[in-house]
N, C-alpha and C. Protein backbone atom coordinates (compact mmCIF):
# COMPACT_ATOMS: atom_id res chain seq x y z
N MET A 1 0.85 -1.18 0.00
CA MET A 1 0.00 -0.01 0.01
C MET A 1 0.89 1.24 0.00
N ALA A 2 0.73 2.07 -0.96
CA ALA A 2 1.60 3.23 -1.17
C ALA A 2 1.56 4.21 -0.02
N ASP A 3 0.41 4.36 0.65
CA ASP A 3 0.31 5.37 1.71
C ASP A 3 0.53 4.78 3.11
N CYS A 4 0.85 3.50 3.21
CA CYS A 4 1.07 2.85 4.51
C CYS A 4 2.48 3.14 5.00
N ILE A 5 2.58 3.80 6.14
CA ILE A 5 3.88 4.20 6.69
C ILE A 5 4.75 2.96 6.97
N PHE A 6 4.15 1.88 7.46
CA PHE A 6 4.96 0.70 7.78
C PHE A 6 5.42 -0.01 6.51
N CYS A 7 4.64 0.00 5.45
CA CYS A 7 5.08 -0.55 4.16
C CYS A 7 6.26 0.29 3.65
N ARG A 8 6.16 1.59 3.80
CA ARG A 8 7.24 2.47 3.36
C ARG A 8 8.52 2.25 4.17
N ILE A 9 8.39 1.99 5.46
CA ILE A 9 9.56 1.66 6.30
C ILE A 9 10.15 0.35 5.82
N ALA A 10 9.30 -0.66 5.59
CA ALA A 10 9.77 -1.98 5.16
C ALA A 10 10.51 -1.90 3.82
N LYS A 11 10.08 -1.00 2.95
CA LYS A 11 10.75 -0.83 1.64
C LYS A 11 12.01 0.00 1.73
N GLY A 12 12.19 0.70 2.84
CA GLY A 12 13.35 1.57 2.97
C GLY A 12 13.11 2.98 2.50
N ASP A 13 11.86 3.31 2.18
CA ASP A 13 11.51 4.66 1.71
C ASP A 13 11.40 5.66 2.86
N VAL A 14 11.19 5.18 4.07
CA VAL A 14 11.09 6.02 5.26
C VAL A 14 12.11 5.50 6.27
N THR A 15 12.84 6.41 6.89
CA THR A 15 13.86 6.02 7.85
C THR A 15 13.23 5.59 9.17
N ALA A 16 13.78 4.53 9.72
CA ALA A 16 13.39 4.05 11.05
C ALA A 16 14.63 3.49 11.72
N ASP A 17 14.60 3.39 13.03
CA ASP A 17 15.70 2.81 13.77
C ASP A 17 15.52 1.30 13.81
N ILE A 18 15.97 0.66 12.76
CA ILE A 18 15.76 -0.77 12.55
C ILE A 18 16.75 -1.56 13.40
N VAL A 19 16.21 -2.55 14.15
CA VAL A 19 17.06 -3.39 14.99
C VAL A 19 17.17 -4.81 14.46
N TYR A 20 16.25 -5.19 13.57
CA TYR A 20 16.26 -6.55 13.00
C TYR A 20 15.49 -6.51 11.68
N GLN A 21 15.97 -7.29 10.72
CA GLN A 21 15.20 -7.48 9.50
C GLN A 21 15.65 -8.75 8.82
N ASP A 22 14.71 -9.38 8.17
CA ASP A 22 14.99 -10.51 7.30
C ASP A 22 14.05 -10.42 6.11
N GLU A 23 13.91 -11.49 5.36
CA GLU A 23 13.11 -11.42 4.13
C GLU A 23 11.60 -11.29 4.41
N GLN A 24 11.16 -11.62 5.64
CA GLN A 24 9.73 -11.61 5.93
C GLN A 24 9.28 -10.58 6.95
N VAL A 25 10.17 -10.23 7.89
CA VAL A 25 9.78 -9.31 8.96
C VAL A 25 10.84 -8.24 9.19
N ILE A 26 10.42 -7.19 9.85
CA ILE A 26 11.32 -6.10 10.21
C ILE A 26 10.91 -5.61 11.58
N ALA A 27 11.89 -5.23 12.39
CA ALA A 27 11.63 -4.69 13.74
C ALA A 27 12.37 -3.37 13.88
N PHE A 28 11.66 -2.40 14.45
CA PHE A 28 12.25 -1.06 14.62
C PHE A 28 11.73 -0.44 15.88
N ARG A 29 12.44 0.57 16.37
CA ARG A 29 12.07 1.22 17.63
C ARG A 29 10.83 2.09 17.43
N ASP A 30 9.92 2.01 18.41
CA ASP A 30 8.72 2.83 18.41
C ASP A 30 9.13 4.28 18.67
N ILE A 31 8.55 5.22 17.93
CA ILE A 31 8.92 6.63 18.11
C ILE A 31 8.30 7.25 19.34
N GLN A 32 7.32 6.55 19.96
CA GLN A 32 6.72 7.00 21.22
C GLN A 32 6.79 5.84 22.22
N PRO A 33 8.00 5.51 22.70
CA PRO A 33 8.16 4.32 23.52
C PRO A 33 7.42 4.40 24.86
N LYS A 34 6.88 3.26 25.25
CA LYS A 34 6.18 3.12 26.51
C LYS A 34 6.98 2.26 27.48
N ALA A 35 8.19 1.88 27.10
CA ALA A 35 9.07 1.04 27.91
C ALA A 35 10.51 1.33 27.52
N ALA A 36 11.45 0.88 28.33
CA ALA A 36 12.86 1.07 28.02
C ALA A 36 13.20 0.49 26.64
N VAL A 37 12.67 -0.68 26.35
CA VAL A 37 12.76 -1.27 25.01
C VAL A 37 11.33 -1.35 24.50
N HIS A 38 11.05 -0.68 23.39
CA HIS A 38 9.72 -0.72 22.78
C HIS A 38 9.93 -0.77 21.28
N LEU A 39 9.74 -1.95 20.73
CA LEU A 39 9.93 -2.16 19.30
C LEU A 39 8.59 -2.48 18.65
N LEU A 40 8.52 -2.23 17.36
CA LEU A 40 7.39 -2.67 16.54
C LEU A 40 7.94 -3.73 15.61
N VAL A 41 7.27 -4.88 15.58
CA VAL A 41 7.67 -5.99 14.72
C VAL A 41 6.54 -6.17 13.70
N ILE A 42 6.88 -6.06 12.42
CA ILE A 42 5.86 -6.08 11.38
C ILE A 42 6.25 -7.10 10.30
N PRO A 43 5.23 -7.65 9.62
CA PRO A 43 5.53 -8.41 8.43
C PRO A 43 5.81 -7.43 7.28
N ARG A 44 6.69 -7.79 6.38
CA ARG A 44 6.91 -6.95 5.21
C ARG A 44 5.66 -6.90 4.34
N LYS A 45 4.92 -8.01 4.32
CA LYS A 45 3.67 -8.09 3.56
C LYS A 45 2.64 -7.22 4.25
N HIS A 46 1.90 -6.45 3.49
CA HIS A 46 0.85 -5.62 4.08
C HIS A 46 -0.35 -6.48 4.45
N ILE A 47 -0.62 -6.55 5.74
CA ILE A 47 -1.81 -7.19 6.28
C ILE A 47 -2.34 -6.18 7.29
N GLU A 48 -3.60 -5.77 7.18
CA GLU A 48 -4.09 -4.70 8.07
C GLU A 48 -4.09 -5.09 9.53
N ASN A 49 -4.57 -6.26 9.88
CA ASN A 49 -4.61 -6.67 11.27
C ASN A 49 -4.95 -8.16 11.34
N LEU A 50 -5.13 -8.68 12.53
CA LEU A 50 -5.39 -10.10 12.72
C LEU A 50 -6.64 -10.57 11.98
N TYR A 51 -7.63 -9.69 11.84
CA TYR A 51 -8.83 -10.05 11.10
C TYR A 51 -8.56 -10.41 9.66
N ASP A 52 -7.50 -9.86 9.10
CA ASP A 52 -7.21 -10.05 7.68
C ASP A 52 -6.24 -11.18 7.38
N LEU A 53 -5.83 -11.91 8.41
CA LEU A 53 -4.96 -13.07 8.17
C LEU A 53 -5.71 -14.13 7.38
N GLU A 54 -4.98 -14.80 6.50
CA GLU A 54 -5.56 -15.87 5.70
C GLU A 54 -4.72 -17.13 5.93
N ARG A 55 -5.28 -18.25 5.56
CA ARG A 55 -4.57 -19.53 5.72
C ARG A 55 -3.19 -19.46 5.06
N ALA A 56 -3.08 -18.76 3.96
CA ALA A 56 -1.80 -18.64 3.24
C ALA A 56 -0.75 -17.89 4.06
N ASP A 57 -1.17 -17.19 5.11
CA ASP A 57 -0.23 -16.42 5.96
C ASP A 57 0.32 -17.24 7.13
N GLN A 58 -0.03 -18.51 7.23
CA GLN A 58 0.39 -19.33 8.38
C GLN A 58 1.91 -19.34 8.58
N GLN A 59 2.65 -19.57 7.52
CA GLN A 59 4.12 -19.63 7.66
C GLN A 59 4.71 -18.27 8.04
N LEU A 60 4.15 -17.20 7.49
CA LEU A 60 4.61 -15.87 7.81
C LEU A 60 4.38 -15.57 9.30
N ILE A 61 3.19 -15.88 9.80
CA ILE A 61 2.88 -15.58 11.21
C ILE A 61 3.71 -16.46 12.13
N ALA A 62 3.90 -17.71 11.76
CA ALA A 62 4.74 -18.59 12.57
C ALA A 62 6.16 -18.03 12.62
N HIS A 63 6.67 -17.61 11.48
CA HIS A 63 8.02 -17.02 11.45
C HIS A 63 8.09 -15.77 12.32
N LEU A 64 7.10 -14.90 12.23
CA LEU A 64 7.07 -13.68 13.02
C LEU A 64 7.08 -14.02 14.53
N MET A 65 6.22 -14.95 14.92
CA MET A 65 6.13 -15.31 16.35
C MET A 65 7.40 -15.97 16.87
N LEU A 66 8.07 -16.75 16.02
CA LEU A 66 9.33 -17.38 16.43
C LEU A 66 10.49 -16.39 16.43
N THR A 67 10.35 -15.31 15.68
CA THR A 67 11.41 -14.30 15.60
C THR A 67 11.35 -13.33 16.77
N ILE A 68 10.15 -13.05 17.27
CA ILE A 68 10.03 -12.07 18.38
C ILE A 68 10.89 -12.43 19.58
N PRO A 69 10.92 -13.66 20.08
CA PRO A 69 11.78 -13.95 21.22
C PRO A 69 13.27 -13.81 20.91
N LYS A 70 13.66 -14.09 19.67
CA LYS A 70 15.06 -13.90 19.28
C LYS A 70 15.42 -12.43 19.34
N ILE A 71 14.54 -11.57 18.84
CA ILE A 71 14.79 -10.13 18.88
C ILE A 71 14.85 -9.67 20.35
N ALA A 72 13.94 -10.16 21.17
CA ALA A 72 13.92 -9.78 22.60
C ALA A 72 15.26 -10.13 23.26
N LYS A 73 15.77 -11.30 22.99
CA LYS A 73 17.07 -11.71 23.56
C LYS A 73 18.19 -10.81 23.05
N GLN A 74 18.16 -10.49 21.76
CA GLN A 74 19.18 -9.60 21.19
C GLN A 74 19.14 -8.23 21.84
N GLN A 75 17.97 -7.82 22.33
CA GLN A 75 17.79 -6.52 22.99
C GLN A 75 18.07 -6.60 24.49
N GLY A 76 18.49 -7.76 24.98
CA GLY A 76 18.84 -7.91 26.39
C GLY A 76 17.64 -8.16 27.31
N LEU A 77 16.53 -8.57 26.76
CA LEU A 77 15.32 -8.79 27.57
C LEU A 77 15.26 -10.23 28.07
N ASP A 78 16.33 -10.67 28.72
CA ASP A 78 16.42 -12.04 29.21
C ASP A 78 15.43 -12.33 30.35
N ALA A 79 14.99 -11.31 31.09
CA ALA A 79 14.07 -11.51 32.20
C ALA A 79 12.62 -11.60 31.73
N GLY A 80 12.37 -11.32 30.46
CA GLY A 80 11.01 -11.40 29.92
C GLY A 80 10.63 -10.14 29.15
N PHE A 81 9.49 -10.23 28.52
CA PHE A 81 9.01 -9.11 27.68
C PHE A 81 7.51 -9.24 27.51
N ARG A 82 6.90 -8.18 27.01
CA ARG A 82 5.47 -8.13 26.73
C ARG A 82 5.30 -7.98 25.22
N THR A 83 4.32 -8.69 24.67
CA THR A 83 3.98 -8.58 23.26
C THR A 83 2.51 -8.23 23.16
N VAL A 84 2.19 -7.17 22.41
CA VAL A 84 0.80 -6.71 22.28
C VAL A 84 0.55 -6.39 20.81
N THR A 85 -0.64 -6.74 20.34
CA THR A 85 -1.10 -6.27 19.02
C THR A 85 -2.51 -5.73 19.18
N ASN A 86 -2.78 -4.66 18.52
CA ASN A 86 -4.10 -4.02 18.55
C ASN A 86 -4.80 -4.32 17.23
N THR A 87 -6.06 -4.73 17.31
CA THR A 87 -6.81 -5.08 16.12
C THR A 87 -8.11 -4.27 16.04
N GLY A 88 -8.23 -3.45 15.00
CA GLY A 88 -9.42 -2.66 14.76
C GLY A 88 -9.53 -1.44 15.66
N HIS A 89 -10.50 -0.61 15.34
CA HIS A 89 -10.71 0.61 16.11
C HIS A 89 -10.98 0.31 17.58
N GLY A 90 -11.81 -0.70 17.86
CA GLY A 90 -12.15 -1.05 19.22
C GLY A 90 -10.96 -1.60 20.01
N GLY A 91 -9.96 -2.11 19.29
CA GLY A 91 -8.76 -2.63 19.94
C GLY A 91 -7.64 -1.60 20.06
N GLY A 92 -7.92 -0.38 19.62
CA GLY A 92 -6.93 0.69 19.73
C GLY A 92 -5.93 0.76 18.59
N GLN A 93 -6.21 0.10 17.48
CA GLN A 93 -5.28 0.12 16.35
C GLN A 93 -5.25 1.52 15.76
N GLU A 94 -4.04 2.04 15.53
CA GLU A 94 -3.86 3.38 14.95
C GLU A 94 -3.19 3.33 13.59
N VAL A 95 -2.31 2.37 13.38
CA VAL A 95 -1.65 2.20 12.07
C VAL A 95 -2.21 0.92 11.46
N TRP A 96 -2.71 1.02 10.24
CA TRP A 96 -3.44 -0.08 9.63
C TRP A 96 -2.52 -1.01 8.85
N HIS A 97 -1.49 -1.47 9.53
CA HIS A 97 -0.58 -2.52 9.07
C HIS A 97 -0.32 -3.33 10.32
N MET A 98 -0.64 -4.62 10.29
CA MET A 98 -0.48 -5.46 11.46
C MET A 98 0.92 -5.30 12.06
N HIS A 99 0.97 -5.08 13.36
CA HIS A 99 2.25 -4.96 14.03
C HIS A 99 2.13 -5.42 15.46
N PHE A 100 3.24 -5.86 15.97
CA PHE A 100 3.33 -6.36 17.34
C PHE A 100 4.27 -5.47 18.12
N HIS A 101 3.81 -4.97 19.25
CA HIS A 101 4.65 -4.18 20.15
C HIS A 101 5.42 -5.17 21.00
N LEU A 102 6.73 -5.06 20.98
CA LEU A 102 7.60 -5.87 21.82
C LEU A 102 8.19 -4.91 22.86
N MET A 103 7.82 -5.08 24.13
CA MET A 103 8.22 -4.15 25.16
C MET A 103 8.89 -4.90 26.32
N GLY A 104 9.88 -4.26 26.91
CA GLY A 104 10.55 -4.85 28.06
C GLY A 104 11.40 -3.84 28.77
N GLY A 105 12.01 -4.29 29.85
CA GLY A 105 12.79 -3.39 30.67
C GLY A 105 11.85 -2.59 31.54
N ASP A 106 12.18 -1.38 31.85
CA ASP A 106 11.36 -0.51 32.70
C ASP A 106 10.10 -0.11 31.92
N MET A 107 8.93 -0.56 32.40
CA MET A 107 7.69 -0.22 31.73
C MET A 107 6.55 -0.15 32.74
N PRO A 108 5.51 0.58 32.39
CA PRO A 108 4.37 0.69 33.30
C PRO A 108 3.64 -0.63 33.42
N PRO A 109 2.95 -0.88 34.55
CA PRO A 109 2.21 -2.12 34.72
C PRO A 109 1.01 -2.16 33.77
N MET A 110 0.57 -3.37 33.45
CA MET A 110 -0.61 -3.54 32.60
C MET A 110 -1.84 -3.10 33.37
N GLN A 111 -2.80 -2.55 32.68
CA GLN A 111 -4.04 -2.08 33.32
C GLN A 111 -5.17 -3.02 32.99
C-alpha cells in the first residue's frame, strides 16, 4: 500500500531505527516508547490486522512469532518481555498494518 507508513519503512523509503530485519519481517524502535525497550515488529507483507490473516499467511505468522523472542534476547530482555497487538478501532489500532509491540525493561504495569 503506497500510503502505509509501515510498508514504506519496510521498503526503505522512510527512515526508522531498525534493529532486525529478514526477508519476511522487520523490527524497529517505536517513536513514542512506553518502555525502556519498545519495538514494533511487522511483516513486510501488508496485512491490516489479525482479522485479515488468511490460511496462506500461516508460515509468515509462525516465522514472526518465532522471531520475536530472538529479537527480545538480542535486545537484552532475558528476564522477559510483553507482546501486544491491537486489532481494529475497538482494539486501539492506529496504524493499519499489522504490528506487534515488543516491550521490556522498565515499563508501566498492565491495566
